[in-house]
Amino acid sequence: MIAATQLRVGMSILYNGEPYRVTSVQHITPGNWRGMVQTKLKNLKTGSAIGNRFRSEDKLEKAHLEQHEMEYLYSSGTDYYFMNTENYEQVLLTTEELGDNVYYLIPNVRFMVDFYEGKPVGIEPPQVVELKVVDTAPNLKSATVTNTLKPATMETGLVVNVPAFIDIGEKIRVDTTEGTYLERAK
């Protein structure tokens, strides 16, 4: 069981006995009322989409899907191709099916691909990925002692707040559950 506040785009859940993929998540805290999570869900069986609001205390069951380890190969427009490492069979997933996980796709990295009734429906990225910084503000001389953060764009388009001493061309480790900087890659 996962808390509604831990829902992320791309997750698969069971809702009313049906498997759904989370396509949009918005946390709402209306003044002195209790917080809630506004979501858009896509039914994995029918493809239909619904909107739903969960209370922050609600617990949801994660959908148990068949998983296969596959290697990410390449993208073509909004299509992303993966190859089964055992039988070399290739499958295609779209940007809509991948959600925010598209920011963690690096060629030749292995992912767990979720299948529902034999059809690929999404991926589960590794806990940590190494990404290269392609754009950020210039390095600051005194940045080793300060605790300030600056935005940095990764090679996949993901924008992460990094310490001020990180420079263009460096590789960093990113937590895929939160999309946050962990440390410099060695």
N, C-alpha and C. Protein backbone atom coordinates (compact mmCIF):
# COMPACT_ATOMS: atom_id res chain seq x y z
N MET A 1 0.84 -1.19 0.00
CA MET A 1 0.00 0.00 0.00
C MET A 1 0.88 1.25 0.00
N ILE A 2 0.47 2.21 -0.80
CA ILE A 2 1.20 3.47 -0.86
C ILE A 2 0.25 4.62 -0.53
N ALA A 3 0.77 5.64 0.12
CA ALA A 3 -0.03 6.80 0.47
C ALA A 3 -0.33 7.61 -0.78
N ALA A 4 -1.47 8.25 -0.81
CA ALA A 4 -1.86 9.07 -1.97
C ALA A 4 -0.85 10.18 -2.22
N THR A 5 -0.22 10.68 -1.17
CA THR A 5 0.77 11.75 -1.33
C THR A 5 2.06 11.27 -2.01
N GLN A 6 2.24 9.95 -2.12
CA GLN A 6 3.43 9.39 -2.75
C GLN A 6 3.19 9.01 -4.21
N LEU A 7 2.01 9.31 -4.73
CA LEU A 7 1.71 9.01 -6.12
C LEU A 7 2.60 9.85 -7.03
N ARG A 8 3.12 9.25 -8.09
CA ARG A 8 3.95 9.93 -9.07
C ARG A 8 3.45 9.56 -10.47
N VAL A 9 3.68 10.43 -11.42
CA VAL A 9 3.30 10.17 -12.80
C VAL A 9 4.05 8.93 -13.28
N GLY A 10 3.31 8.01 -13.89
CA GLY A 10 3.90 6.77 -14.40
C GLY A 10 3.66 5.57 -13.50
N MET A 11 3.23 5.77 -12.25
CA MET A 11 2.97 4.66 -11.35
C MET A 11 1.72 3.90 -11.79
N SER A 12 1.66 2.60 -11.45
CA SER A 12 0.49 1.78 -11.72
C SER A 12 -0.17 1.44 -10.39
N ILE A 13 -1.49 1.68 -10.31
CA ILE A 13 -2.23 1.40 -9.09
C ILE A 13 -3.50 0.62 -9.41
N LEU A 14 -4.06 0.00 -8.38
CA LEU A 14 -5.38 -0.62 -8.50
C LEU A 14 -6.38 0.33 -7.88
N TYR A 15 -7.41 0.67 -8.64
CA TYR A 15 -8.45 1.57 -8.17
C TYR A 15 -9.79 0.96 -8.57
N ASN A 16 -10.66 0.71 -7.62
CA ASN A 16 -11.93 0.03 -7.86
C ASN A 16 -11.73 -1.32 -8.56
N GLY A 17 -10.66 -2.02 -8.21
CA GLY A 17 -10.39 -3.34 -8.77
C GLY A 17 -9.82 -3.34 -10.18
N GLU A 18 -9.55 -2.17 -10.74
CA GLU A 18 -9.03 -2.06 -12.11
C GLU A 18 -7.62 -1.47 -12.06
N PRO A 19 -6.73 -1.91 -12.97
CA PRO A 19 -5.38 -1.33 -13.02
C PRO A 19 -5.37 0.00 -13.76
N TYR A 20 -4.74 1.00 -13.15
CA TYR A 20 -4.64 2.34 -13.74
C TYR A 20 -3.21 2.81 -13.71
N ARG A 21 -2.85 3.65 -14.69
CA ARG A 21 -1.56 4.33 -14.73
C ARG A 21 -1.82 5.78 -14.35
N VAL A 22 -1.02 6.35 -13.45
CA VAL A 22 -1.15 7.74 -13.04
C VAL A 22 -0.54 8.61 -14.14
N THR A 23 -1.34 9.51 -14.73
CA THR A 23 -0.83 10.37 -15.81
C THR A 23 -0.63 11.82 -15.36
N SER A 24 -1.23 12.21 -14.22
CA SER A 24 -1.08 13.56 -13.72
C SER A 24 -1.31 13.56 -12.21
N VAL A 25 -0.49 14.31 -11.49
CA VAL A 25 -0.63 14.41 -10.03
C VAL A 25 -0.48 15.87 -9.63
N GLN A 26 -1.42 16.36 -8.80
CA GLN A 26 -1.31 17.72 -8.29
C GLN A 26 -1.69 17.69 -6.81
N HIS A 27 -0.77 18.15 -5.96
CA HIS A 27 -1.03 18.22 -4.52
C HIS A 27 -1.73 19.54 -4.22
N ILE A 28 -2.85 19.46 -3.50
CA ILE A 28 -3.65 20.64 -3.18
C ILE A 28 -3.75 20.77 -1.66
N THR A 29 -3.42 21.95 -1.14
CA THR A 29 -3.56 22.23 0.29
C THR A 29 -4.37 23.51 0.45
N PRO A 30 -5.70 23.37 0.55
CA PRO A 30 -6.58 24.55 0.59
C PRO A 30 -6.71 25.18 1.98
N GLY A 31 -5.77 26.05 2.33
CA GLY A 31 -5.85 26.80 3.59
C GLY A 31 -5.89 25.92 4.81
N ASN A 32 -6.96 26.02 5.58
CA ASN A 32 -7.05 25.26 6.83
C ASN A 32 -7.74 23.90 6.65
N TRP A 33 -8.04 23.50 5.43
CA TRP A 33 -8.61 22.18 5.19
C TRP A 33 -7.50 21.15 5.08
N ARG A 34 -7.88 19.91 5.02
CA ARG A 34 -6.89 18.85 4.85
C ARG A 34 -6.40 18.80 3.40
N GLY A 35 -5.15 18.39 3.23
CA GLY A 35 -4.57 18.29 1.90
C GLY A 35 -5.20 17.17 1.09
N MET A 36 -5.12 17.30 -0.23
CA MET A 36 -5.63 16.26 -1.11
C MET A 36 -4.74 16.17 -2.34
N VAL A 37 -4.94 15.09 -3.07
CA VAL A 37 -4.15 14.84 -4.27
C VAL A 37 -5.11 14.67 -5.43
N GLN A 38 -5.04 15.60 -6.40
CA GLN A 38 -5.87 15.53 -7.61
C GLN A 38 -5.09 14.74 -8.66
N THR A 39 -5.70 13.69 -9.20
CA THR A 39 -5.00 12.85 -10.16
C THR A 39 -5.81 12.65 -11.44
N LYS A 40 -5.09 12.29 -12.49
CA LYS A 40 -5.71 11.79 -13.71
C LYS A 40 -5.17 10.39 -13.88
N LEU A 41 -6.06 9.45 -14.13
CA LEU A 41 -5.69 8.04 -14.23
C LEU A 41 -6.12 7.48 -15.58
N LYS A 42 -5.28 6.60 -16.14
CA LYS A 42 -5.61 5.95 -17.41
C LYS A 42 -5.78 4.46 -17.15
N ASN A 43 -6.95 3.93 -17.53
CA ASN A 43 -7.23 2.51 -17.35
C ASN A 43 -6.34 1.71 -18.29
N LEU A 44 -5.60 0.73 -17.74
CA LEU A 44 -4.68 -0.07 -18.54
C LEU A 44 -5.41 -1.10 -19.41
N LYS A 45 -6.65 -1.43 -19.06
CA LYS A 45 -7.42 -2.39 -19.86
C LYS A 45 -8.10 -1.70 -21.05
N THR A 46 -8.79 -0.60 -20.75
CA THR A 46 -9.63 0.04 -21.77
C THR A 46 -8.99 1.26 -22.42
N GLY A 47 -8.00 1.88 -21.75
CA GLY A 47 -7.38 3.08 -22.27
C GLY A 47 -8.14 4.35 -21.93
N SER A 48 -9.30 4.22 -21.26
CA SER A 48 -10.08 5.40 -20.90
C SER A 48 -9.42 6.15 -19.74
N ALA A 49 -9.64 7.45 -19.68
CA ALA A 49 -9.04 8.28 -18.64
C ALA A 49 -10.11 8.83 -17.71
N ILE A 50 -9.75 8.91 -16.42
CA ILE A 50 -10.65 9.49 -15.42
C ILE A 50 -9.85 10.44 -14.54
N GLY A 51 -10.54 11.34 -13.88
CA GLY A 51 -9.93 12.22 -12.90
C GLY A 51 -10.43 11.80 -11.53
N ASN A 52 -9.57 11.86 -10.52
CA ASN A 52 -9.99 11.48 -9.18
C ASN A 52 -9.22 12.29 -8.15
N ARG A 53 -9.88 12.56 -7.03
CA ARG A 53 -9.28 13.29 -5.93
C ARG A 53 -9.18 12.35 -4.73
N PHE A 54 -7.96 12.18 -4.23
CA PHE A 54 -7.72 11.34 -3.06
C PHE A 54 -7.39 12.22 -1.87
N ARG A 55 -7.85 11.82 -0.69
CA ARG A 55 -7.44 12.51 0.53
C ARG A 55 -5.99 12.13 0.81
N SER A 56 -5.27 12.99 1.51
CA SER A 56 -3.85 12.71 1.77
C SER A 56 -3.67 11.47 2.64
N GLU A 57 -4.69 11.08 3.40
CA GLU A 57 -4.60 9.89 4.27
C GLU A 57 -4.91 8.60 3.52
N ASP A 58 -5.48 8.69 2.32
CA ASP A 58 -5.88 7.49 1.57
C ASP A 58 -4.67 6.63 1.24
N LYS A 59 -4.88 5.32 1.30
CA LYS A 59 -3.86 4.34 0.92
C LYS A 59 -4.34 3.63 -0.34
N LEU A 60 -3.44 3.46 -1.29
CA LEU A 60 -3.77 2.81 -2.55
C LEU A 60 -2.89 1.59 -2.75
N GLU A 61 -3.45 0.60 -3.45
CA GLU A 61 -2.69 -0.61 -3.71
C GLU A 61 -1.96 -0.46 -5.04
N LYS A 62 -0.68 -0.79 -5.04
CA LYS A 62 0.10 -0.74 -6.27
C LYS A 62 -0.29 -1.94 -7.12
N ALA A 63 -0.50 -1.71 -8.40
CA ALA A 63 -0.88 -2.79 -9.31
C ALA A 63 0.31 -3.72 -9.51
N HIS A 64 0.06 -5.02 -9.44
CA HIS A 64 1.12 -6.00 -9.65
C HIS A 64 1.09 -6.42 -11.11
N LEU A 65 2.08 -5.96 -11.82
CA LEU A 65 2.18 -6.22 -13.24
C LEU A 65 3.33 -7.18 -13.48
N GLU A 66 3.28 -7.86 -14.61
CA GLU A 66 4.39 -8.72 -15.01
C GLU A 66 5.54 -7.81 -15.41
N GLN A 67 6.75 -8.14 -14.97
CA GLN A 67 7.91 -7.29 -15.28
C GLN A 67 9.00 -8.10 -15.96
N HIS A 68 9.65 -7.45 -16.93
CA HIS A 68 10.80 -8.04 -17.62
C HIS A 68 11.90 -7.00 -17.66
N GLU A 69 13.15 -7.46 -17.46
CA GLU A 69 14.28 -6.55 -17.57
C GLU A 69 14.55 -6.31 -19.05
N MET A 70 14.56 -5.03 -19.42
CA MET A 70 14.80 -4.67 -20.81
C MET A 70 15.79 -3.51 -20.88
N GLU A 71 16.49 -3.45 -21.99
CA GLU A 71 17.49 -2.41 -22.20
C GLU A 71 16.90 -1.32 -23.10
N TYR A 72 17.05 -0.07 -22.67
CA TYR A 72 16.58 1.04 -23.49
C TYR A 72 17.52 1.20 -24.67
N LEU A 73 16.96 1.26 -25.90
CA LEU A 73 17.77 1.37 -27.10
C LEU A 73 17.84 2.79 -27.64
N TYR A 74 16.68 3.34 -28.06
CA TYR A 74 16.67 4.66 -28.69
C TYR A 74 15.25 5.20 -28.72
N SER A 75 15.13 6.48 -29.13
CA SER A 75 13.81 7.08 -29.28
C SER A 75 13.66 7.59 -30.70
N SER A 76 12.40 7.68 -31.13
CA SER A 76 12.07 8.22 -32.44
C SER A 76 10.81 9.05 -32.25
N GLY A 77 10.97 10.36 -32.16
CA GLY A 77 9.82 11.23 -31.88
C GLY A 77 9.31 10.98 -30.47
N THR A 78 8.06 10.54 -30.34
CA THR A 78 7.49 10.27 -29.02
C THR A 78 7.47 8.78 -28.70
N ASP A 79 8.17 7.97 -29.53
CA ASP A 79 8.25 6.52 -29.32
C ASP A 79 9.61 6.16 -28.75
N TYR A 80 9.61 5.24 -27.76
CA TYR A 80 10.84 4.79 -27.11
C TYR A 80 10.92 3.28 -27.23
N TYR A 81 12.07 2.78 -27.67
CA TYR A 81 12.24 1.36 -27.96
C TYR A 81 13.10 0.68 -26.90
N PHE A 82 12.62 -0.48 -26.45
CA PHE A 82 13.30 -1.29 -25.45
C PHE A 82 13.50 -2.70 -26.00
N MET A 83 14.59 -3.37 -25.56
CA MET A 83 14.87 -4.72 -26.03
C MET A 83 14.97 -5.66 -24.83
N ASN A 84 14.28 -6.80 -24.93
CA ASN A 84 14.37 -7.84 -23.92
C ASN A 84 15.78 -8.42 -23.98
N THR A 85 16.47 -8.47 -22.84
CA THR A 85 17.86 -8.90 -22.82
C THR A 85 18.01 -10.42 -22.94
N GLU A 86 16.91 -11.16 -22.83
CA GLU A 86 16.98 -12.63 -22.93
C GLU A 86 16.68 -13.12 -24.35
N ASN A 87 15.60 -12.60 -24.96
CA ASN A 87 15.21 -13.11 -26.28
C ASN A 87 15.34 -12.06 -27.40
N TYR A 88 15.85 -10.88 -27.09
CA TYR A 88 16.10 -9.79 -28.04
C TYR A 88 14.84 -9.25 -28.71
N GLU A 89 13.69 -9.52 -28.15
CA GLU A 89 12.43 -8.98 -28.66
C GLU A 89 12.36 -7.50 -28.29
N GLN A 90 11.89 -6.67 -29.24
CA GLN A 90 11.79 -5.24 -28.99
C GLN A 90 10.34 -4.83 -28.76
N VAL A 91 10.15 -3.86 -27.83
CA VAL A 91 8.83 -3.30 -27.58
C VAL A 91 8.92 -1.78 -27.65
N LEU A 92 7.79 -1.16 -27.86
CA LEU A 92 7.70 0.28 -28.02
C LEU A 92 6.79 0.85 -26.94
N LEU A 93 7.22 1.94 -26.31
CA LEU A 93 6.40 2.68 -25.35
C LEU A 93 6.39 4.14 -25.78
N THR A 94 5.26 4.81 -25.53
CA THR A 94 5.14 6.21 -25.91
C THR A 94 5.45 7.12 -24.73
N THR A 95 5.61 8.40 -25.01
CA THR A 95 5.86 9.39 -23.97
C THR A 95 4.73 9.38 -22.95
N GLU A 96 3.49 9.23 -23.41
CA GLU A 96 2.33 9.20 -22.52
C GLU A 96 2.40 8.02 -21.57
N GLU A 97 2.83 6.86 -22.05
CA GLU A 97 2.93 5.67 -21.20
C GLU A 97 4.09 5.76 -20.21
N LEU A 98 5.15 6.47 -20.58
CA LEU A 98 6.32 6.58 -19.72
C LEU A 98 6.20 7.68 -18.67
N GLY A 99 5.45 8.74 -18.96
CA GLY A 99 5.30 9.84 -18.00
C GLY A 99 6.64 10.51 -17.72
N ASP A 100 6.89 10.84 -16.47
CA ASP A 100 8.13 11.52 -16.07
C ASP A 100 9.35 10.61 -16.17
N ASN A 101 9.14 9.30 -16.31
CA ASN A 101 10.27 8.38 -16.42
C ASN A 101 11.09 8.61 -17.68
N VAL A 102 10.54 9.34 -18.64
CA VAL A 102 11.26 9.63 -19.88
C VAL A 102 12.56 10.41 -19.58
N TYR A 103 12.61 11.13 -18.48
CA TYR A 103 13.79 11.92 -18.12
C TYR A 103 14.95 11.06 -17.60
N TYR A 104 14.70 9.78 -17.37
CA TYR A 104 15.75 8.90 -16.85
C TYR A 104 16.24 7.90 -17.89
N LEU A 105 15.78 8.05 -19.14
CA LEU A 105 16.15 7.12 -20.20
C LEU A 105 17.50 7.48 -20.79
N ILE A 106 18.46 6.58 -20.63
CA ILE A 106 19.79 6.72 -21.19
C ILE A 106 20.05 5.44 -21.99
N PRO A 107 20.50 5.55 -23.25
CA PRO A 107 20.73 4.34 -24.05
C PRO A 107 21.62 3.32 -23.34
N ASN A 108 21.28 2.05 -23.51
CA ASN A 108 22.01 0.89 -22.98
C ASN A 108 21.87 0.71 -21.47
N VAL A 109 20.94 1.42 -20.82
CA VAL A 109 20.67 1.22 -19.40
C VAL A 109 19.46 0.29 -19.30
N ARG A 110 19.50 -0.61 -18.33
CA ARG A 110 18.42 -1.59 -18.18
C ARG A 110 17.35 -1.08 -17.24
N PHE A 111 16.10 -1.35 -17.62
CA PHE A 111 14.92 -0.93 -16.85
C PHE A 111 14.00 -2.14 -16.68
N MET A 112 13.16 -2.08 -15.68
CA MET A 112 12.11 -3.07 -15.52
C MET A 112 10.89 -2.54 -16.28
N VAL A 113 10.46 -3.26 -17.32
CA VAL A 113 9.31 -2.85 -18.12
C VAL A 113 8.09 -3.60 -17.62
N ASP A 114 7.01 -2.86 -17.34
CA ASP A 114 5.76 -3.44 -16.84
C ASP A 114 4.89 -3.89 -18.00
N PHE A 115 4.33 -5.10 -17.86
CA PHE A 115 3.42 -5.63 -18.86
C PHE A 115 2.09 -5.95 -18.19
N TYR A 116 1.00 -5.61 -18.87
CA TYR A 116 -0.34 -5.98 -18.40
C TYR A 116 -1.03 -6.71 -19.55
N GLU A 117 -1.41 -7.95 -19.30
CA GLU A 117 -2.02 -8.81 -20.31
C GLU A 117 -1.17 -8.86 -21.58
N GLY A 118 0.15 -9.00 -21.41
CA GLY A 118 1.07 -9.15 -22.52
C GLY A 118 1.43 -7.88 -23.25
N LYS A 119 0.90 -6.73 -22.83
CA LYS A 119 1.16 -5.46 -23.50
C LYS A 119 2.02 -4.57 -22.59
N PRO A 120 3.10 -3.98 -23.13
CA PRO A 120 3.92 -3.09 -22.29
C PRO A 120 3.14 -1.82 -21.94
N VAL A 121 3.16 -1.46 -20.66
CA VAL A 121 2.38 -0.30 -20.21
C VAL A 121 3.21 0.75 -19.49
N GLY A 122 4.47 0.47 -19.19
CA GLY A 122 5.30 1.46 -18.51
C GLY A 122 6.60 0.86 -18.03
N ILE A 123 7.42 1.67 -17.36
CA ILE A 123 8.70 1.21 -16.85
C ILE A 123 8.87 1.58 -15.39
N GLU A 124 9.79 0.88 -14.76
CA GLU A 124 10.22 1.21 -13.41
C GLU A 124 11.71 1.49 -13.49
N PRO A 125 12.10 2.76 -13.37
CA PRO A 125 13.53 3.09 -13.51
C PRO A 125 14.31 2.62 -12.29
N PRO A 126 15.64 2.52 -12.41
CA PRO A 126 16.45 2.19 -11.25
C PRO A 126 16.30 3.30 -10.19
N GLN A 127 16.62 3.01 -8.96
CA GLN A 127 16.50 3.98 -7.86
C GLN A 127 17.35 5.22 -8.12
N VAL A 128 18.55 5.02 -8.70
CA VAL A 128 19.48 6.11 -8.95
C VAL A 128 20.02 6.00 -10.38
N VAL A 129 20.09 7.13 -11.09
CA VAL A 129 20.71 7.17 -12.41
C VAL A 129 21.78 8.25 -12.44
N GLU A 130 22.77 8.05 -13.32
CA GLU A 130 23.82 9.04 -13.50
C GLU A 130 23.53 9.82 -14.77
N LEU A 131 23.44 11.14 -14.64
CA LEU A 131 23.13 12.00 -15.77
C LEU A 131 24.19 13.09 -15.89
N LYS A 132 24.42 13.52 -17.13
CA LYS A 132 25.42 14.56 -17.40
C LYS A 132 24.75 15.92 -17.43
N VAL A 133 25.37 16.91 -16.79
CA VAL A 133 24.88 18.29 -16.78
C VAL A 133 25.24 18.94 -18.11
N VAL A 134 24.22 19.46 -18.83
CA VAL A 134 24.49 20.11 -20.11
C VAL A 134 24.31 21.62 -20.05
N ASP A 135 23.62 22.12 -19.01
CA ASP A 135 23.45 23.56 -18.88
C ASP A 135 23.20 23.94 -17.43
N THR A 136 23.93 24.93 -16.95
CA THR A 136 23.74 25.47 -15.60
C THR A 136 24.48 26.80 -15.50
N ALA A 137 24.22 27.53 -14.44
CA ALA A 137 24.91 28.81 -14.22
C ALA A 137 26.40 28.53 -13.97
N PRO A 138 27.26 29.53 -14.20
CA PRO A 138 28.70 29.32 -13.99
C PRO A 138 29.02 28.92 -12.56
N ASN A 139 30.14 28.21 -12.42
CA ASN A 139 30.63 27.75 -11.13
C ASN A 139 31.02 28.95 -10.26
N LEU A 140 30.69 28.91 -8.98
CA LEU A 140 31.03 29.99 -8.06
C LEU A 140 32.26 29.61 -7.24
N LYS A 141 33.18 30.55 -7.06
CA LYS A 141 34.42 30.27 -6.33
C LYS A 141 34.17 29.87 -4.88
N SER A 142 33.23 30.54 -4.20
CA SER A 142 32.99 30.27 -2.78
C SER A 142 31.94 29.20 -2.56
N ALA A 143 31.57 28.47 -3.60
CA ALA A 143 30.46 27.53 -3.52
C ALA A 143 30.75 26.32 -2.66
N THR A 144 31.98 26.04 -2.32
CA THR A 144 32.29 24.85 -1.54
C THR A 144 31.84 24.98 -0.09
N VAL A 145 31.63 26.19 0.39
CA VAL A 145 31.23 26.36 1.78
C VAL A 145 29.78 26.79 1.94
N THR A 146 29.15 27.25 0.86
CA THR A 146 27.76 27.69 0.97
C THR A 146 26.82 26.53 0.65
N ASN A 147 25.57 26.72 1.01
CA ASN A 147 24.57 25.67 0.85
C ASN A 147 23.53 26.07 -0.19
N THR A 148 23.90 26.91 -1.16
CA THR A 148 22.94 27.38 -2.15
C THR A 148 22.82 26.38 -3.30
N LEU A 149 21.64 26.36 -3.91
CA LEU A 149 21.37 25.48 -5.03
C LEU A 149 21.07 26.30 -6.27
N LYS A 150 21.33 25.72 -7.44
CA LYS A 150 21.03 26.36 -8.71
C LYS A 150 20.43 25.32 -9.63
N PRO A 151 19.56 25.73 -10.58
CA PRO A 151 18.99 24.75 -11.51
C PRO A 151 20.02 24.31 -12.54
N ALA A 152 19.97 23.02 -12.89
CA ALA A 152 20.85 22.47 -13.91
C ALA A 152 20.03 21.58 -14.82
N THR A 153 20.26 21.69 -16.12
CA THR A 153 19.57 20.86 -17.10
C THR A 153 20.43 19.66 -17.43
N MET A 154 19.84 18.47 -17.35
CA MET A 154 20.56 17.23 -17.64
C MET A 154 20.47 16.89 -19.12
N GLU A 155 21.22 15.90 -19.55
CA GLU A 155 21.25 15.47 -20.95
C GLU A 155 19.90 14.97 -21.45
N THR A 156 19.01 14.57 -20.55
CA THR A 156 17.70 14.06 -20.93
C THR A 156 16.62 15.15 -20.90
N GLY A 157 16.98 16.37 -20.47
CA GLY A 157 16.01 17.45 -20.37
C GLY A 157 15.50 17.69 -18.96
N LEU A 158 15.82 16.80 -18.04
CA LEU A 158 15.41 16.94 -16.64
C LEU A 158 16.13 18.13 -16.02
N VAL A 159 15.39 18.95 -15.26
CA VAL A 159 15.98 20.08 -14.55
C VAL A 159 16.02 19.72 -13.06
N VAL A 160 17.22 19.79 -12.48
CA VAL A 160 17.44 19.40 -11.09
C VAL A 160 18.17 20.54 -10.39
N ASN A 161 17.81 20.81 -9.14
CA ASN A 161 18.55 21.78 -8.35
C ASN A 161 19.81 21.11 -7.82
N VAL A 162 20.97 21.72 -8.11
CA VAL A 162 22.26 21.16 -7.72
C VAL A 162 23.04 22.19 -6.90
N PRO A 163 24.04 21.74 -6.14
CA PRO A 163 24.89 22.70 -5.42
C PRO A 163 25.62 23.61 -6.41
N ALA A 164 25.99 24.78 -5.94
CA ALA A 164 26.59 25.81 -6.80
C ALA A 164 27.93 25.40 -7.38
N PHE A 165 28.63 24.40 -6.81
CA PHE A 165 29.94 24.01 -7.33
C PHE A 165 29.86 23.04 -8.52
N ILE A 166 28.68 22.56 -8.88
CA ILE A 166 28.51 21.66 -10.02
C ILE A 166 28.61 22.48 -11.30
N ASP A 167 29.36 21.96 -12.28
CA ASP A 167 29.62 22.68 -13.52
C ASP A 167 29.14 21.87 -14.72
N ILE A 168 29.05 22.51 -15.87
CA ILE A 168 28.65 21.86 -17.12
C ILE A 168 29.64 20.75 -17.45
N GLY A 169 29.13 19.60 -17.89
CA GLY A 169 29.97 18.47 -18.27
C GLY A 169 30.15 17.45 -17.17
N GLU A 170 29.82 17.81 -15.93
CA GLU A 170 29.97 16.85 -14.83
C GLU A 170 28.81 15.87 -14.82
N LYS A 171 29.06 14.68 -14.29
CA LYS A 171 28.00 13.68 -14.12
C LYS A 171 27.57 13.70 -12.66
N ILE A 172 26.24 13.64 -12.46
CA ILE A 172 25.71 13.61 -11.10
C ILE A 172 24.79 12.41 -10.96
N ARG A 173 24.55 12.01 -9.72
CA ARG A 173 23.61 10.93 -9.43
C ARG A 173 22.28 11.56 -9.03
N VAL A 174 21.19 11.06 -9.64
CA VAL A 174 19.86 11.62 -9.40
C VAL A 174 18.95 10.52 -8.85
N ASP A 175 18.21 10.84 -7.79
CA ASP A 175 17.20 9.94 -7.22
C ASP A 175 15.98 9.98 -8.11
N THR A 176 15.57 8.83 -8.68
CA THR A 176 14.47 8.81 -9.63
C THR A 176 13.10 8.90 -8.96
N THR A 177 12.99 8.58 -7.68
CA THR A 177 11.68 8.68 -7.03
C THR A 177 11.29 10.12 -6.76
N GLU A 178 12.26 10.97 -6.48
CA GLU A 178 11.99 12.38 -6.18
C GLU A 178 12.49 13.32 -7.27
N GLY A 179 13.38 12.84 -8.15
CA GLY A 179 13.96 13.70 -9.17
C GLY A 179 14.90 14.73 -8.59
N THR A 180 15.68 14.32 -7.58
CA THR A 180 16.55 15.25 -6.88
C THR A 180 18.02 14.82 -6.95
N TYR A 181 18.91 15.80 -6.80
CA TYR A 181 20.36 15.58 -6.78
C TYR A 181 20.74 14.80 -5.54
N LEU A 182 21.64 13.81 -5.72
CA LEU A 182 22.17 13.05 -4.59
C LEU A 182 23.64 13.40 -4.34
N GLU A 183 24.46 13.25 -5.40
CA GLU A 183 25.90 13.50 -5.25
C GLU A 183 26.54 13.52 -6.64
N ARG A 184 27.82 13.90 -6.65
CA ARG A 184 28.60 13.81 -7.88
C ARG A 184 28.83 12.33 -8.19
N ALA A 185 28.82 12.01 -9.48
CA ALA A 185 29.16 10.63 -9.88
C ALA A 185 30.66 10.48 -9.87
N LYS A 186 31.12 9.32 -9.50
CA LYS A 186 32.57 9.08 -9.42
C LYS A 186 33.12 8.63 -10.73
